[in-house]
Amino acid sequence: MMNKKVPLKSVNNLIDTIGFIKTKPRGYIQGVTLQTRETTSIRCLALSYSEICGVVKEIDESFGFIILLLLGSFLFHLVITPYNLIESLSDASTMAQLSKIYESVCLQFAWCVFHTGNLIVTVEPCHRTITEVAKIKELVSKLMRSSTTTHDHDVNDLNLFYKHLLLREVCYAPLQVCTLNRALVATIMGNITTYLVVLFQM
């Protein structure tokens, strides 16, 4: 039998094309690897967080003075309205007088509820934003501790995202005077109580 030799030219062509053979990597789904998807998601979250920080900063710079005026008006109304309410109740010594000022008492009480509701509606969304950012920070730290991935860039993206969360905290601070959270509501209520005590002692 005659031994058939493969032409040298065909062998060279086969060797040259080995580096260009396209194989689907592990985790390949519809043209995108899982690794790429995870990395892209983490980077998108980090970029979105940076944009949110920029928006909050612009809000503080653009509307900080107006927000402070609103807070001051809430404080003023919540001092004057309860004062008038208590004065009306103290002036009514008899049931006849109490029936006459019943409408005034109801009106003052309604104004107290209205201004308190405005204060809560203004502060509560800002407080929830801060709370959600704290939850995100906790989740990212858990991911970093429990991460078993072997891809360095995934770990680097998590580290960068966590540094963003630490160094650029989201907080609404109009003109850097105060921070809009529930602690501010408690402080305002304490100030109102103090002012009312001072007014009734005068």
Protein backbone atom coordinates (compact mmCIF):
# COMPACT_ATOMS: atom_id res chain seq x y z
CA MET A 1 0.00 0.00 0.00
CA MET A 2 1.14 3.46 -0.77
CA ASN A 3 1.36 5.98 2.10
CA LYS A 4 -0.50 9.15 1.27
CA LYS A 5 1.22 12.25 2.53
CA VAL A 6 -0.71 15.30 3.52
CA PRO A 7 0.56 18.27 1.55
CA LEU A 8 2.73 20.58 3.62
CA LYS A 9 0.68 23.56 2.48
CA SER A 10 -2.53 22.11 4.03
CA VAL A 11 -0.81 21.45 7.37
CA ASN A 12 0.47 25.03 7.51
CA ASN A 13 -2.98 26.41 6.76
CA LEU A 14 -4.52 24.31 9.53
CA ILE A 15 -1.94 25.49 12.06
CA ASP A 16 -2.41 29.11 11.03
CA THR A 17 -6.18 28.94 11.58
CA ILE A 18 -6.01 27.39 15.07
CA GLY A 19 -5.74 30.81 16.76
CA PHE A 20 -8.82 32.08 14.95
CA ILE A 21 -11.23 29.32 15.97
CA LYS A 22 -14.15 30.90 17.84
CA THR A 23 -15.35 28.99 20.87
CA LYS A 24 -18.15 29.94 23.25
CA PRO A 25 -16.79 30.52 26.74
CA ARG A 26 -18.38 29.07 29.83
CA GLY A 27 -21.37 31.11 30.93
CA TYR A 28 -22.11 32.25 27.37
CA ILE A 29 -25.70 33.44 26.97
CA GLN A 30 -26.92 35.12 23.77
CA GLY A 31 -23.56 36.52 22.85
CA VAL A 32 -22.68 37.94 26.29
CA THR A 33 -20.78 36.15 29.00
CA LEU A 34 -22.11 36.17 32.55
CA GLN A 35 -18.86 37.75 33.70
CA THR A 36 -19.39 40.69 31.35
CA ARG A 37 -23.00 41.07 32.47
CA GLU A 38 -22.10 41.17 36.17
CA THR A 39 -19.30 43.64 35.59
CA THR A 40 -21.51 45.86 33.45
CA SER A 41 -24.29 45.82 36.08
CA ILE A 42 -21.93 46.81 38.90
CA ARG A 43 -20.44 49.63 36.83
CA CYS A 44 -23.90 50.86 35.83
CA LEU A 45 -24.96 50.92 39.48
CA ALA A 46 -21.84 52.87 40.45
CA LEU A 47 -22.39 55.38 37.64
CA SER A 48 -26.07 55.76 38.55
CA TYR A 49 -25.14 56.40 42.17
CA SER A 50 -22.65 59.08 41.11
CA GLU A 51 -25.32 60.76 39.00
CA ILE A 52 -27.78 60.68 41.92
CA CYS A 53 -25.17 62.32 44.14
CA GLY A 54 -24.77 65.06 41.54
CA VAL A 55 -28.53 65.62 41.35
CA VAL A 56 -28.83 65.87 45.15
CA LYS A 57 -25.96 68.37 45.23
CA GLU A 58 -27.64 70.50 42.57
CA ILE A 59 -30.91 70.42 44.53
CA ASP A 60 -29.11 71.57 47.67
CA GLU A 61 -27.39 74.40 45.81
CA SER A 62 -30.45 75.52 43.83
CA PHE A 63 -33.26 75.17 46.37
CA GLY A 64 -31.40 75.21 49.69
CA PHE A 65 -32.53 78.71 50.65
CA ILE A 66 -36.16 77.95 49.75
CA ILE A 67 -36.11 74.73 51.79
CA LEU A 68 -34.73 76.63 54.79
CA LEU A 69 -37.51 79.22 54.43
CA LEU A 70 -40.08 76.41 54.36
CA LEU A 71 -38.62 74.83 57.49
CA GLY A 72 -38.61 78.22 59.22
CA SER A 73 -42.25 78.82 58.29
CA PHE A 74 -43.22 75.39 59.60
CA LEU A 75 -41.45 76.15 62.89
CA PHE A 76 -43.09 79.57 63.17
CA HIS A 77 -46.60 78.28 62.43
CA LEU A 78 -46.20 75.32 64.75
CA VAL A 79 -45.31 77.71 67.59
CA ILE A 80 -48.02 80.32 66.98
CA THR A 81 -50.89 77.93 66.19
CA PRO A 82 -50.63 75.76 69.34
CA TYR A 83 -50.16 78.94 71.38
CA ASN A 84 -53.44 80.36 70.05
CA LEU A 85 -55.13 77.01 70.58
CA ILE A 86 -54.08 76.77 74.22
CA GLU A 87 -54.96 80.44 74.83
CA SER A 88 -58.44 79.87 73.43
CA LEU A 89 -58.97 76.85 75.70
CA SER A 90 -57.69 78.69 78.76
CA ASP A 91 -59.97 81.68 78.15
CA ALA A 92 -63.06 79.49 78.08
CA SER A 93 -63.97 79.29 81.74
CA THR A 94 -67.60 78.27 81.25
CA MET A 95 -69.34 75.85 78.92
CA ALA A 96 -71.09 78.74 77.17
CA GLN A 97 -67.79 80.36 76.28
CA LEU A 98 -66.38 76.99 75.24
CA SER A 99 -69.24 76.44 72.80
CA LYS A 100 -68.62 79.87 71.28
CA ILE A 101 -64.94 79.23 70.58
CA TYR A 102 -65.47 75.61 69.48
CA GLU A 103 -65.02 76.50 65.81
CA SER A 104 -61.87 78.50 66.55
CA VAL A 105 -60.36 75.59 68.49
CA CYS A 106 -61.15 73.15 65.67
CA LEU A 107 -59.63 75.52 63.13
CA GLN A 108 -56.43 75.97 65.14
CA PHE A 109 -56.15 72.21 65.64
CA ALA A 110 -56.61 71.65 61.88
CA TRP A 111 -53.83 74.15 61.16
CA CYS A 112 -51.53 72.33 63.59
CA VAL A 113 -52.17 69.04 61.81
CA PHE A 114 -51.70 70.69 58.42
CA HIS A 115 -48.31 72.23 59.22
CA THR A 116 -47.09 69.06 60.94
CA GLY A 117 -48.08 67.06 57.86
CA ASN A 118 -46.23 69.49 55.60
CA LEU A 119 -43.10 69.13 57.74
CA ILE A 120 -43.27 65.33 57.61
CA VAL A 121 -43.96 65.27 53.85
CA THR A 122 -40.93 67.51 53.27
CA VAL A 123 -38.51 65.54 55.45
CA GLU A 124 -39.63 61.90 55.08
CA PRO A 125 -38.60 61.34 51.40
CA CYS A 126 -35.13 62.69 52.18
CA HIS A 127 -34.86 60.39 55.21
CA ARG A 128 -35.91 57.38 53.13
CA THR A 129 -33.27 58.18 50.52
CA ILE A 130 -30.58 58.16 53.22
CA THR A 131 -31.97 54.88 54.60
CA GLU A 132 -31.92 53.19 51.19
CA VAL A 133 -28.33 54.26 50.59
CA ALA A 134 -27.38 52.75 53.96
CA LYS A 135 -29.06 49.48 52.90
CA ILE A 136 -27.14 49.49 49.59
CA LYS A 137 -23.88 50.07 51.46
CA GLU A 138 -24.63 47.10 53.71
CA LEU A 139 -25.49 44.84 50.74
CA VAL A 140 -22.31 45.79 48.87
CA SER A 141 -20.19 45.13 51.96
CA LYS A 142 -21.83 41.68 52.32
CA LEU A 143 -21.11 40.94 48.66
CA MET A 144 -17.48 41.88 49.15
CA ARG A 145 -17.16 39.63 52.21
CA SER A 146 -18.92 36.63 50.66
CA SER A 147 -17.57 37.01 47.12
CA THR A 148 -15.96 33.79 45.80
CA THR A 149 -15.39 35.03 42.28
CA THR A 150 -12.01 34.52 40.69
CA HIS A 151 -12.31 37.52 38.39
CA ASP A 152 -10.24 40.42 39.62
CA HIS A 153 -12.21 43.05 37.75
CA ASP A 154 -15.47 42.03 39.51
CA VAL A 155 -13.83 42.51 42.90
CA ASN A 156 -12.33 45.82 41.75
CA ASP A 157 -15.73 47.06 40.60
CA LEU A 158 -17.26 46.16 43.96
CA ASN A 159 -14.41 47.93 45.76
CA LEU A 160 -14.86 51.05 43.63
CA PHE A 161 -18.62 51.03 44.20
CA TYR A 162 -18.12 50.68 47.96
CA LYS A 163 -15.63 53.57 47.93
CA HIS A 164 -18.21 55.67 46.09
CA LEU A 165 -20.74 54.85 48.79
CA LEU A 166 -18.31 55.76 51.57
CA LEU A 167 -16.82 58.93 50.10
CA ARG A 168 -19.94 60.41 48.49
CA GLU A 169 -22.81 60.08 50.93
CA VAL A 170 -26.26 61.10 49.78
CA CYS A 171 -27.80 63.58 52.21
CA TYR A 172 -30.05 66.57 51.72
CA ALA A 173 -28.35 69.45 53.53
CA PRO A 174 -29.73 72.83 52.37
CA LEU A 175 -26.87 75.32 52.48
CA GLN A 176 -25.10 72.89 54.86
CA VAL A 177 -27.25 74.24 57.71
CA CYS A 178 -29.05 71.02 58.63
CA THR A 179 -29.68 67.50 57.33
CA LEU A 180 -33.22 66.58 56.33
CA ASN A 181 -34.00 63.43 58.31
CA ARG A 182 -36.25 62.31 61.15
CA ALA A 183 -33.82 63.65 63.71
CA LEU A 184 -34.55 67.14 62.35
CA VAL A 185 -38.29 66.62 62.97
CA ALA A 186 -37.55 65.61 66.56
CA THR A 187 -35.34 68.69 66.98
CA ILE A 188 -38.05 70.99 65.62
CA MET A 189 -40.66 69.46 67.92
CA GLY A 190 -38.33 69.98 70.89
CA ASN A 191 -37.78 73.61 69.92
CA ILE A 192 -41.53 74.15 69.60
CA THR A 193 -42.08 72.78 73.10
CA THR A 194 -39.34 75.04 74.47
CA TYR A 195 -40.74 78.14 72.79
CA LEU A 196 -44.28 77.39 74.02
CA VAL A 197 -43.04 76.99 77.60
CA VAL A 198 -41.17 80.32 77.35
CA LEU A 199 -44.21 82.09 75.87
CA PHE A 200 -46.56 80.88 78.61
CA GLN A 201 -44.11 81.90 81.32
CA MET A 202 -43.87 85.46 80.02
